[in-house]
């Protein structure tokens, strides 16, 4: 797992920060992972600490709401510029913690 310690490449909208706060209150420590591929890999996933372990090919690009945000190296070229975590209506992925809350995380 690589760590980007020079600067944060990620920020969050107020709506995303509010959803993060609700998830932290419910689940405790959480983290984000942006993978690759189709389907669920196309959206950021939120996991409870211990339920997902970033791998050797994941890079910490910064924190949002004091929560680590990892991106798989295969996606770094796609996300060269600053990432902005926001929220959209709908349930998103059933594997992400916000599933069933009527909104989900997206990158813009």
PDB file of N, CA and C in Angstrom:
ATOM      1  N   UNK A   1       0.844  -1.166   0.000  1.00  0.00           N
ATOM      2  CA  UNK A   1       0.000   0.000   0.000  1.00  0.00           C
ATOM      3  C   UNK A   1       0.893   1.234   0.000  1.00  0.00           C
ATOM      4  N   UNK A   2       0.665   2.132  -0.940  1.00  0.00           N
ATOM      5  CA  UNK A   2       1.455   3.350  -1.026  1.00  0.00           C
ATOM      6  C   UNK A   2       0.688   4.495  -0.386  1.00  0.00           C
ATOM      7  N   UNK A   3       1.413   5.461   0.139  1.00  0.00           N
ATOM      8  CA  UNK A   3       0.774   6.584   0.807  1.00  0.00           C
ATOM      9  C   UNK A   3       1.232   7.887   0.185  1.00  0.00           C
ATOM     10  N   UNK A   4       0.295   8.736  -0.167  1.00  0.00           N
ATOM     11  CA  UNK A   4       0.593  10.050  -0.696  1.00  0.00           C
ATOM     12  C   UNK A   4       0.583  11.018   0.486  1.00  0.00           C
ATOM     13  N   UNK A   5       1.770  11.422   0.936  1.00  0.00           N
ATOM     14  CA  UNK A   5       1.839  12.270   2.121  1.00  0.00           C
ATOM     15  C   UNK A   5       2.072  13.734   1.781  1.00  0.00           C
ATOM     16  N   UNK A   6       2.334  14.055   0.511  1.00  0.00           N
ATOM     17  CA  UNK A   6       2.638  15.436   0.146  1.00  0.00           C
ATOM     18  C   UNK A   6       1.408  16.331   0.121  1.00  0.00           C
ATOM     19  N   UNK A   7       0.338  15.870  -0.501  1.00  0.00           N
ATOM     20  CA  UNK A   7      -0.865  16.689  -0.569  1.00  0.00           C
ATOM     21  C   UNK A   7      -2.076  15.799  -0.749  1.00  0.00           C
ATOM     22  N   UNK A   8      -3.187  16.294  -0.301  1.00  0.00           N
ATOM     23  CA  UNK A   8      -4.425  15.547  -0.455  1.00  0.00           C
ATOM     24  C   UNK A   8      -4.993  15.818  -1.842  1.00  0.00           C
ATOM     25  N   UNK A   9      -5.370  14.757  -2.521  1.00  0.00           N
ATOM     26  CA  UNK A   9      -5.964  14.886  -3.848  1.00  0.00           C
ATOM     27  C   UNK A   9      -7.476  14.800  -3.794  1.00  0.00           C
ATOM     28  N   UNK A  10      -8.031  14.768  -2.586  1.00  0.00           N
ATOM     29  CA  UNK A  10      -9.475  14.570  -2.448  1.00  0.00           C
ATOM     30  C   UNK A  10     -10.084  15.605  -1.514  1.00  0.00           C
ATOM     31  N   UNK A  11     -11.282  16.029  -1.858  1.00  0.00           N
ATOM     32  CA  UNK A  11     -12.072  16.883  -0.975  1.00  0.00           C
ATOM     33  C   UNK A  11     -13.506  16.362  -1.017  1.00  0.00           C
ATOM     34  N   UNK A  12     -14.369  16.945  -0.207  1.00  0.00           N
ATOM     35  CA  UNK A  12     -15.750  16.473  -0.138  1.00  0.00           C
ATOM     36  C   UNK A  12     -16.707  17.652  -0.041  1.00  0.00           C
ATOM     37  N   UNK A  13     -17.882  17.462  -0.591  1.00  0.00           N
ATOM     38  CA  UNK A  13     -18.940  18.458  -0.485  1.00  0.00           C
ATOM     39  C   UNK A  13     -19.511  18.408   0.931  1.00  0.00           C
ATOM     40  N   UNK A  14     -20.212  19.451   1.356  1.00  0.00           N
ATOM     41  CA  UNK A  14     -20.862  19.411   2.678  1.00  0.00           C
ATOM     42  C   UNK A  14     -21.823  18.229   2.822  1.00  0.00           C
ATOM     43  N   UNK A  15     -22.522  17.869   1.740  1.00  0.00           N
ATOM     44  CA  UNK A  15     -23.442  16.737   1.788  1.00  0.00           C
ATOM     45  C   UNK A  15     -22.691  15.424   2.020  1.00  0.00           C
ATOM     46  N   UNK A  16     -21.537  15.272   1.372  1.00  0.00           N
ATOM     47  CA  UNK A  16     -20.728  14.065   1.568  1.00  0.00           C
ATOM     48  C   UNK A  16     -20.187  14.020   2.992  1.00  0.00           C
ATOM     49  N   UNK A  17     -19.757  15.164   3.509  1.00  0.00           N
ATOM     50  CA  UNK A  17     -19.251  15.199   4.888  1.00  0.00           C
ATOM     51  C   UNK A  17     -20.350  14.856   5.891  1.00  0.00           C
ATOM     52  N   UNK A  18     -21.575  15.293   5.616  1.00  0.00           N
ATOM     53  CA  UNK A  18     -22.693  14.965   6.514  1.00  0.00           C
ATOM     54  C   UNK A  18     -22.986  13.468   6.484  1.00  0.00           C
ATOM     55  N   UNK A  19     -22.949  12.856   5.296  1.00  0.00           N
ATOM     56  CA  UNK A  19     -23.176  11.418   5.201  1.00  0.00           C
ATOM     57  C   UNK A  19     -22.039  10.650   5.866  1.00  0.00           C
ATOM     58  N   UNK A  20     -20.816  11.103   5.709  1.00  0.00           N
ATOM     59  CA  UNK A  20     -19.676  10.483   6.393  1.00  0.00           C
ATOM     60  C   UNK A  20     -19.888  10.521   7.903  1.00  0.00           C
ATOM     61  N   UNK A  21     -20.307  11.664   8.422  1.00  0.00           N
ATOM     62  CA  UNK A  21     -20.528  11.801   9.871  1.00  0.00           C
ATOM     63  C   UNK A  21     -21.592  10.820  10.356  1.00  0.00           C
ATOM     64  N   UNK A  22     -22.672  10.653   9.586  1.00  0.00           N
ATOM     65  CA  UNK A  22     -23.722   9.703   9.965  1.00  0.00           C
ATOM     66  C   UNK A  22     -23.200   8.267   9.961  1.00  0.00           C
ATOM     67  N   UNK A  23     -22.392   7.945   8.969  1.00  0.00           N
ATOM     68  CA  UNK A  23     -21.841   6.594   8.887  1.00  0.00           C
ATOM     69  C   UNK A  23     -20.843   6.329  10.015  1.00  0.00           C
ATOM     70  N   UNK A  24     -20.023   7.332  10.350  1.00  0.00           N
ATOM     71  CA  UNK A  24     -19.074   7.165  11.458  1.00  0.00           C
ATOM     72  C   UNK A  24     -19.818   6.987  12.781  1.00  0.00           C
ATOM     73  N   UNK A  25     -20.923   7.702  12.958  1.00  0.00           N
ATOM     74  CA  UNK A  25     -21.714   7.557  14.186  1.00  0.00           C
ATOM     75  C   UNK A  25     -22.316   6.163  14.291  1.00  0.00           C
ATOM     76  N   UNK A  26     -22.676   5.593  13.166  1.00  0.00           N
ATOM     77  CA  UNK A  26     -23.298   4.275  13.148  1.00  0.00           C
ATOM     78  C   UNK A  26     -22.275   3.129  13.199  1.00  0.00           C
ATOM     79  N   UNK A  27     -21.157   3.281  12.446  1.00  0.00           N
ATOM     80  CA  UNK A  27     -20.228   2.167  12.266  1.00  0.00           C
ATOM     81  C   UNK A  27     -18.864   2.355  12.922  1.00  0.00           C
ATOM     82  N   UNK A  28     -18.566   3.532  13.414  1.00  0.00           N
ATOM     83  CA  UNK A  28     -17.230   3.780  13.954  1.00  0.00           C
ATOM     84  C   UNK A  28     -16.254   4.129  12.841  1.00  0.00           C
ATOM     85  N   UNK A  29     -15.051   3.600  12.920  1.00  0.00           N
ATOM     86  CA  UNK A  29     -14.017   3.907  11.930  1.00  0.00           C
ATOM     87  C   UNK A  29     -14.358   3.295  10.574  1.00  0.00           C
ATOM     88  N   UNK A  30     -14.243   4.125   9.533  1.00  0.00           N
ATOM     89  CA  UNK A  30     -14.548   3.696   8.168  1.00  0.00           C
ATOM     90  C   UNK A  30     -13.425   4.121   7.238  1.00  0.00           C
ATOM     91  N   UNK A  31     -13.464   3.625   5.998  1.00  0.00           N
ATOM     92  CA  UNK A  31     -12.518   4.043   4.961  1.00  0.00           C
ATOM     93  C   UNK A  31     -13.200   3.965   3.610  1.00  0.00           C
ATOM     94  N   UNK A  32     -12.598   4.642   2.634  1.00  0.00           N
ATOM     95  CA  UNK A  32     -13.091   4.616   1.249  1.00  0.00           C
ATOM     96  C   UNK A  32     -12.083   3.924   0.367  1.00  0.00           C
ATOM     97  N   UNK A  33     -12.609   3.271  -0.673  1.00  0.00           N
ATOM     98  CA  UNK A  33     -11.758   2.669  -1.694  1.00  0.00           C
ATOM     99  C   UNK A  33     -12.403   2.896  -3.053  1.00  0.00           C
ATOM    100  N   UNK A  34     -11.601   3.395  -3.983  1.00  0.00           N
ATOM    101  CA  UNK A  34     -12.035   3.550  -5.373  1.00  0.00           C
ATOM    102  C   UNK A  34     -11.265   2.537  -6.198  1.00  0.00           C
ATOM    103  N   UNK A  35     -11.969   1.510  -6.639  1.00  0.00           N
ATOM    104  CA  UNK A  35     -11.334   0.461  -7.416  1.00  0.00           C
ATOM    105  C   UNK A  35     -11.413   0.754  -8.898  1.00  0.00           C
ATOM    106  N   UNK A  36     -11.411  -0.276  -9.675  1.00  0.00           N
ATOM    107  CA  UNK A  36     -11.502  -0.130 -11.118  1.00  0.00           C
ATOM    108  C   UNK A  36     -12.503  -1.108 -11.676  1.00  0.00           C
ATOM    109  N   UNK A  37     -12.630  -1.082 -12.974  1.00  0.00           N
ATOM    110  CA  UNK A  37     -13.514  -2.022 -13.628  1.00  0.00           C
ATOM    111  C   UNK A  37     -14.924  -1.500 -13.752  1.00  0.00           C
ATOM    112  N   UNK A  38     -15.810  -2.414 -14.045  1.00  0.00           N
ATOM    113  CA  UNK A  38     -17.207  -2.035 -14.269  1.00  0.00           C
ATOM    114  C   UNK A  38     -18.023  -2.210 -12.991  1.00  0.00           C
ATOM    115  N   UNK A  39     -19.260  -1.917 -13.092  1.00  0.00           N
ATOM    116  CA  UNK A  39     -20.234  -2.133 -12.014  1.00  0.00           C
ATOM    117  C   UNK A  39     -19.825  -1.401 -10.743  1.00  0.00           C
ATOM    118  N   UNK A  40     -19.694  -2.114  -9.628  1.00  0.00           N
ATOM    119  CA  UNK A  40     -19.398  -1.474  -8.350  1.00  0.00           C
ATOM    120  C   UNK A  40     -18.024  -0.828  -8.314  1.00  0.00           C
ATOM    121  N   UNK A  41     -17.094  -1.243  -9.186  1.00  0.00           N
ATOM    122  CA  UNK A  41     -15.762  -0.649  -9.215  1.00  0.00           C
ATOM    123  C   UNK A  41     -15.752   0.770  -9.737  1.00  0.00           C
ATOM    124  N   UNK A  42     -16.863   1.212 -10.308  1.00  0.00           N
ATOM    125  CA  UNK A  42     -16.925   2.540 -10.892  1.00  0.00           C
ATOM    126  C   UNK A  42     -17.318   3.619  -9.884  1.00  0.00           C
ATOM    127  N   UNK A  43     -17.688   3.233  -8.667  1.00  0.00           N
ATOM    128  CA  UNK A  43     -18.078   4.205  -7.653  1.00  0.00           C
ATOM    129  C   UNK A  43     -17.251   3.997  -6.390  1.00  0.00           C
ATOM    130  N   UNK A  44     -17.062   5.057  -5.603  1.00  0.00           N
ATOM    131  CA  UNK A  44     -16.318   4.877  -4.351  1.00  0.00           C
ATOM    132  C   UNK A  44     -17.111   4.019  -3.373  1.00  0.00           C
ATOM    133  N   UNK A  45     -16.398   3.143  -2.714  1.00  0.00           N
ATOM    134  CA  UNK A  45     -17.021   2.239  -1.756  1.00  0.00           C
ATOM    135  C   UNK A  45     -16.590   2.628  -0.351  1.00  0.00           C
ATOM    136  N   UNK A  46     -17.518   2.584   0.578  1.00  0.00           N
ATOM    137  CA  UNK A  46     -17.248   2.911   1.973  1.00  0.00           C
ATOM    138  C   UNK A  46     -17.364   1.631   2.792  1.00  0.00           C
ATOM    139  N   UNK A  47     -16.318   1.345   3.564  1.00  0.00           N
ATOM    140  CA  UNK A  47     -16.264   0.126   4.357  1.00  0.00           C
ATOM    141  C   UNK A  47     -15.967   0.450   5.812  1.00  0.00           C
ATOM    142  N   UNK A  48     -16.400  -0.424   6.688  1.00  0.00           N
ATOM    143  CA  UNK A  48     -16.020  -0.335   8.092  1.00  0.00           C
ATOM    144  C   UNK A  48     -14.576  -0.827   8.212  1.00  0.00           C
ATOM    145  N   UNK A  49     -13.781  -0.145   9.060  1.00  0.00           N
ATOM    146  CA  UNK A  49     -12.409  -0.589   9.273  1.00  0.00           C
ATOM    147  C   UNK A  49     -12.415  -2.061   9.610  1.00  0.00           C
ATOM    148  N   UNK A  50     -11.530  -2.818   9.022  1.00  0.00           N
ATOM    149  CA  UNK A  50     -11.445  -4.250   9.273  1.00  0.00           C
ATOM    150  C   UNK A  50     -12.215  -5.095   8.280  1.00  0.00           C
ATOM    151  N   UNK A  51     -13.200  -4.497   7.593  1.00  0.00           N
ATOM    152  CA  UNK A  51     -13.956  -5.235   6.588  1.00  0.00           C
ATOM    153  C   UNK A  51     -13.296  -5.182   5.221  1.00  0.00           C
ATOM    154  N   UNK A  52     -12.374  -4.251   5.031  1.00  0.00           N
ATOM    155  CA  UNK A  52     -11.629  -4.122   3.778  1.00  0.00           C
ATOM    156  C   UNK A  52     -10.211  -3.697   4.123  1.00  0.00           C
ATOM    157  N   UNK A  53      -9.250  -4.379   3.548  1.00  0.00           N
ATOM    158  CA  UNK A  53      -7.852  -4.029   3.760  1.00  0.00           C
ATOM    159  C   UNK A  53      -7.267  -3.565   2.433  1.00  0.00           C
ATOM    160  N   UNK A  54      -6.818  -2.303   2.363  1.00  0.00           N
ATOM    161  CA  UNK A  54      -6.181  -1.840   1.123  1.00  0.00           C
ATOM    162  C   UNK A  54      -4.990  -2.732   0.783  1.00  0.00           C
ATOM    163  N   UNK A  55      -4.817  -2.981  -0.502  1.00  0.00           N
ATOM    164  CA  UNK A  55      -3.750  -3.858  -0.956  1.00  0.00           C
ATOM    165  C   UNK A  55      -2.506  -3.102  -1.384  1.00  0.00           C
ATOM    166  N   UNK A  56      -1.539  -3.856  -1.861  1.00  0.00           N
ATOM    167  CA  UNK A  56      -0.250  -3.301  -2.290  1.00  0.00           C
ATOM    168  C   UNK A  56      -0.411  -2.349  -3.465  1.00  0.00           C
ATOM    169  N   UNK A  57      -1.481  -2.474  -4.228  1.00  0.00           N
ATOM    170  CA  UNK A  57      -1.707  -1.614  -5.387  1.00  0.00           C
ATOM    171  C   UNK A  57      -2.674  -0.473  -5.122  1.00  0.00           C
ATOM    172  N   UNK A  58      -2.975  -0.214  -3.855  1.00  0.00           N
ATOM    173  CA  UNK A  58      -3.858   0.886  -3.480  1.00  0.00           C
ATOM    174  C   UNK A  58      -3.028   2.015  -2.890  1.00  0.00           C
ATOM    175  N   UNK A  59      -3.383   3.239  -3.256  1.00  0.00           N
ATOM    176  CA  UNK A  59      -2.656   4.406  -2.772  1.00  0.00           C
ATOM    177  C   UNK A  59      -3.586   5.307  -1.966  1.00  0.00           C
ATOM    178  N   UNK A  60      -3.129   5.721  -0.804  1.00  0.00           N
ATOM    179  CA  UNK A  60      -3.869   6.692  -0.004  1.00  0.00           C
ATOM    180  C   UNK A  60      -3.677   8.052  -0.653  1.00  0.00           C
ATOM    181  N   UNK A  61      -4.775   8.649  -1.149  1.00  0.00           N
ATOM    182  CA  UNK A  61      -4.682   9.941  -1.830  1.00  0.00           C
ATOM    183  C   UNK A  61      -5.077  11.098  -0.932  1.00  0.00           C
ATOM    184  N   UNK A  62      -5.531  10.804   0.268  1.00  0.00           N
ATOM    185  CA  UNK A  62      -5.896  11.846   1.217  1.00  0.00           C
ATOM    186  C   UNK A  62      -6.998  11.368   2.138  1.00  0.00           C
ATOM    187  N   UNK A  63      -7.555  12.324   2.862  1.00  0.00           N
ATOM    188  CA  UNK A  63      -8.645  12.029   3.790  1.00  0.00           C
ATOM    189  C   UNK A  63      -9.780  13.013   3.567  1.00  0.00           C
ATOM    190  N   UNK A  64     -10.994  12.529   3.784  1.00  0.00           N
ATOM    191  CA  UNK A  64     -12.193  13.369   3.759  1.00  0.00           C
ATOM    192  C   UNK A  64     -12.945  13.100   5.049  1.00  0.00           C
ATOM    193  N   UNK A  65     -13.283  14.145   5.777  1.00  0.00           N
ATOM    194  CA  UNK A  65     -13.963  13.955   7.054  1.00  0.00           C
ATOM    195  C   UNK A  65     -13.165  13.064   7.986  1.00  0.00           C
ATOM    196  N   UNK A  66     -11.847  13.178   7.917  1.00  0.00           N
ATOM    197  CA  UNK A  66     -10.917  12.370   8.721  1.00  0.00           C
ATOM    198  C   UNK A  66     -10.991  10.882   8.379  1.00  0.00           C
ATOM    199  N   UNK A  67     -11.429  10.557   7.178  1.00  0.00           N
ATOM    200  CA  UNK A  67     -11.548   9.180   6.717  1.00  0.00           C
ATOM    201  C   UNK A  67     -10.605   8.979   5.532  1.00  0.00           C
ATOM    202  N   UNK A  68      -9.782   7.935   5.599  1.00  0.00           N
ATOM    203  CA  UNK A  68      -8.823   7.633   4.534  1.00  0.00           C
ATOM    204  C   UNK A  68      -9.550   7.283   3.238  1.00  0.00           C
ATOM    205  N   UNK A  69      -8.981   7.777   2.121  1.00  0.00           N
ATOM    206  CA  UNK A  69      -9.535   7.497   0.797  1.00  0.00           C
ATOM    207  C   UNK A  69      -8.428   6.888  -0.056  1.00  0.00           C
ATOM    208  N   UNK A  70      -8.611   5.622  -0.453  1.00  0.00           N
ATOM    209  CA  UNK A  70      -7.634   4.876  -1.251  1.00  0.00           C
ATOM    210  C   UNK A  70      -8.125   4.743  -2.687  1.00  0.00           C
ATOM    211  N   UNK A  71      -7.185   4.804  -3.614  1.00  0.00           N
ATOM    212  CA  UNK A  71      -7.480   4.594  -5.029  1.00  0.00           C
ATOM    213  C   UNK A  71      -6.537   3.515  -5.551  1.00  0.00           C
ATOM    214  N   UNK A  72      -7.096   2.556  -6.288  1.00  0.00           N
ATOM    215  CA  UNK A  72      -6.272   1.514  -6.898  1.00  0.00           C
ATOM    216  C   UNK A  72      -5.372   2.154  -7.947  1.00  0.00           C
ATOM    217  N   UNK A  73      -4.122   1.706  -8.008  1.00  0.00           N
ATOM    218  CA  UNK A  73      -3.138   2.288  -8.932  1.00  0.00           C
ATOM    219  C   UNK A  73      -3.617   2.278 -10.373  1.00  0.00           C
ATOM    220  N   UNK A  74      -4.401   1.284 -10.768  1.00  0.00           N
ATOM    221  CA  UNK A  74      -4.892   1.223 -12.143  1.00  0.00           C
ATOM    222  C   UNK A  74      -5.804   2.397 -12.466  1.00  0.00           C
ATOM    223  N   UNK A  75      -6.333   3.061 -11.444  1.00  0.00           N
ATOM    224  CA  UNK A  75      -7.241   4.184 -11.643  1.00  0.00           C
ATOM    225  C   UNK A  75      -6.579   5.546 -11.478  1.00  0.00           C
ATOM    226  N   UNK A  76      -5.330   5.578 -11.015  1.00  0.00           N
ATOM    227  CA  UNK A  76      -4.680   6.856 -10.719  1.00  0.00           C
ATOM    228  C   UNK A  76      -4.545   7.741 -11.943  1.00  0.00           C
ATOM    229  N   UNK A  77      -4.228   7.174 -13.102  1.00  0.00           N
ATOM    230  CA  UNK A  77      -4.119   7.988 -14.316  1.00  0.00           C
ATOM    231  C   UNK A  77      -5.461   8.604 -14.678  1.00  0.00           C
ATOM    232  N   UNK A  78      -6.525   7.847 -14.464  1.00  0.00           N
ATOM    233  CA  UNK A  78      -7.869   8.357 -14.756  1.00  0.00           C
ATOM    234  C   UNK A  78      -8.221   9.514 -13.818  1.00  0.00           C
ATOM    235  N   UNK A  79      -7.772   9.420 -12.574  1.00  0.00           N
ATOM    236  CA  UNK A  79      -8.073  10.438 -11.573  1.00  0.00           C
ATOM    237  C   UNK A  79      -6.849  11.299 -11.286  1.00  0.00           C
ATOM    238  N   UNK A  80      -6.177  11.772 -12.341  1.00  0.00           N
ATOM    239  CA  UNK A  80      -4.956  12.578 -12.190  1.00  0.00           C
ATOM    240  C   UNK A  80      -5.219  13.871 -11.429  1.00  0.00           C
ATOM    241  N   UNK A  81      -6.344  14.468 -11.688  1.00  0.00           N
ATOM    242  CA  UNK A  81      -6.647  15.749 -11.089  1.00  0.00           C
ATOM    243  C   UNK A  81      -7.318  15.548  -9.733  1.00  0.00           C
ATOM    244  N   UNK A  82      -7.593  16.638  -9.096  1.00  0.00           N
ATOM    245  CA  UNK A  82      -8.227  16.617  -7.782  1.00  0.00           C
ATOM    246  C   UNK A  82      -9.571  15.897  -7.840  1.00  0.00           C
ATOM    247  N   UNK A  83      -9.829  15.067  -6.854  1.00  0.00           N
ATOM    248  CA  UNK A  83     -11.087  14.344  -6.744  1.00  0.00           C
ATOM    249  C   UNK A  83     -12.016  15.056  -5.766  1.00  0.00           C
ATOM    250  N   UNK A  84     -13.286  15.040  -6.069  1.00  0.00           N
ATOM    251  CA  UNK A  84     -14.269  15.643  -5.170  1.00  0.00           C
ATOM    252  C   UNK A  84     -15.348  14.606  -4.878  1.00  0.00           C
ATOM    253  N   UNK A  85     -15.464  14.252  -3.610  1.00  0.00           N
ATOM    254  CA  UNK A  85     -16.477  13.285  -3.185  1.00  0.00           C
ATOM    255  C   UNK A  85     -17.780  14.027  -2.955  1.00  0.00           C
ATOM    256  N   UNK A  86     -18.824  13.557  -3.606  1.00  0.00           N
ATOM    257  CA  UNK A  86     -20.138  14.160  -3.416  1.00  0.00           C
ATOM    258  C   UNK A  86     -21.163  13.041  -3.235  1.00  0.00           C
ATOM    259  N   UNK A  87     -22.426  13.426  -3.180  1.00  0.00           N
ATOM    260  CA  UNK A  87     -23.507  12.484  -2.901  1.00  0.00           C
ATOM    261  C   UNK A  87     -24.553  12.615  -3.999  1.00  0.00           C
ATOM    262  N   UNK A  88     -25.108  11.463  -4.401  1.00  0.00           N
ATOM    263  CA  UNK A  88     -26.202  11.435  -5.366  1.00  0.00           C
ATOM    264  C   UNK A  88     -27.367  10.654  -4.755  1.00  0.00           C
ATOM    265  N   UNK A  89     -28.553  10.915  -5.233  1.00  0.00           N
ATOM    266  CA  UNK A  89     -29.745  10.194  -4.771  1.00  0.00           C
ATOM    267  C   UNK A  89     -29.717   8.766  -5.299  1.00  0.00           C
ATOM    268  N   UNK A  90     -30.278   7.852  -4.539  1.00  0.00           N
ATOM    269  CA  UNK A  90     -30.324   6.446  -4.924  1.00  0.00           C
ATOM    270  C   UNK A  90     -29.447   5.620  -3.999  1.00  0.00           C
ATOM    271  N   UNK A  91     -29.578   4.321  -4.080  1.00  0.00           N
ATOM    272  CA  UNK A  91     -28.910   3.449  -3.126  1.00  0.00           C
ATOM    273  C   UNK A  91     -27.469   3.092  -3.460  1.00  0.00           C
ATOM    274  N   UNK A  92     -27.021   3.188  -4.687  1.00  0.00           N
ATOM    275  CA  UNK A  92     -25.643   2.830  -5.006  1.00  0.00           C
ATOM    276  C   UNK A  92     -25.389   1.343  -4.850  1.00  0.00           C
ATOM    277  N   UNK A  93     -24.193   0.996  -4.395  1.00  0.00           N
ATOM    278  CA  UNK A  93     -23.784  -0.406  -4.276  1.00  0.00           C
ATOM    279  C   UNK A  93     -24.225  -1.010  -2.953  1.00  0.00           C
ATOM    280  N   UNK A  94     -24.716  -2.231  -3.015  1.00  0.00           N
ATOM    281  CA  UNK A  94     -25.154  -2.907  -1.788  1.00  0.00           C
ATOM    282  C   UNK A  94     -23.980  -3.296  -0.904  1.00  0.00           C
ATOM    283  N   UNK A  95     -22.747  -3.184  -1.392  1.00  0.00           N
ATOM    284  CA  UNK A  95     -21.582  -3.528  -0.588  1.00  0.00           C
ATOM    285  C   UNK A  95     -21.005  -2.327   0.158  1.00  0.00           C
ATOM    286  N   UNK A  96     -21.488  -1.140  -0.131  1.00  0.00           N
ATOM    287  CA  UNK A  96     -21.001   0.073   0.517  1.00  0.00           C
ATOM    288  C   UNK A  96     -21.909   0.413   1.703  1.00  0.00           C
ATOM    289  N   UNK A  97     -21.326   0.952   2.755  1.00  0.00           N
ATOM    290  CA  UNK A  97     -22.069   1.176   4.006  1.00  0.00           C
ATOM    291  C   UNK A  97     -23.302   2.062   3.873  1.00  0.00           C
ATOM    292  N   UNK A  98     -23.314   2.974   2.919  1.00  0.00           N
ATOM    293  CA  UNK A  98     -24.458   3.880   2.804  1.00  0.00           C
ATOM    294  C   UNK A  98     -25.643   3.256   2.074  1.00  0.00           C
ATOM    295  N   UNK A  99     -25.488   2.010   1.613  1.00  0.00           N
ATOM    296  CA  UNK A  99     -26.570   1.344   0.890  1.00  0.00           C
ATOM    297  C   UNK A  99     -27.845   1.323   1.748  1.00  0.00           C
ATOM    298  N   UNK A 100     -28.953   1.657   1.120  1.00  0.00           N
ATOM    299  CA  UNK A 100     -30.242   1.649   1.802  1.00  0.00           C
ATOM    300  C   UNK A 100     -30.592   2.971   2.471  1.00  0.00           C
ATOM    301  N   UNK A 101     -29.678   3.949   2.406  1.00  0.00           N
ATOM    302  CA  UNK A 101     -29.935   5.240   3.040  1.00  0.00           C
ATOM    303  C   UNK A 101     -30.532   6.250   2.060  1.00  0.00           C
ATOM    304  N   UNK A 102     -30.755   5.825   0.806  1.00  0.00           N
ATOM    305  CA  UNK A 102     -31.375   6.699  -0.181  1.00  0.00           C
ATOM    306  C   UNK A 102     -30.423   7.642  -0.885  1.00  0.00           C
ATOM    307  N   UNK A 103     -29.128   7.509  -0.608  1.00  0.00           N
ATOM    308  CA  UNK A 103     -28.113   8.311  -1.280  1.00  0.00           C
ATOM    309  C   UNK A 103     -26.803   7.518  -1.280  1.00  0.00           C
ATOM    310  N   UNK A 104     -25.916   7.883  -2.200  1.00  0.00           N
ATOM    311  CA  UNK A 104     -24.647   7.173  -2.301  1.00  0.00           C
ATOM    312  C   UNK A 104     -23.540   8.139  -2.717  1.00  0.00           C
ATOM    313  N   UNK A 105     -22.315   7.718  -2.463  1.00  0.00           N
ATOM    314  CA  UNK A 105     -21.160   8.541  -2.795  1.00  0.00           C
ATOM    315  C   UNK A 105     -20.818   8.424  -4.275  1.00  0.00           C
ATOM    316  N   UNK A 106     -20.362   9.544  -4.843  1.00  0.00           N
ATOM    317  CA  UNK A 106     -19.873   9.591  -6.225  1.00  0.00           C
ATOM    318  C   UNK A 106     -18.662  10.523  -6.261  1.00  0.00           C
ATOM    319  N   UNK A 107     -17.823  10.335  -7.266  1.00  0.00           N
ATOM    320  CA  UNK A 107     -16.700  11.246  -7.491  1.00  0.00           C
ATOM    321  C   UNK A 107     -17.037  12.185  -8.629  1.00  0.00           C
ATOM    322  N   UNK A 108     -16.623  13.425  -8.467  1.00  0.00           N
ATOM    323  CA  UNK A 108     -16.847  14.402  -9.542  1.00  0.00           C
ATOM    324  C   UNK A 108     -15.586  15.206  -9.748  1.00  0.00           C
TER     325      UNK A 108
END
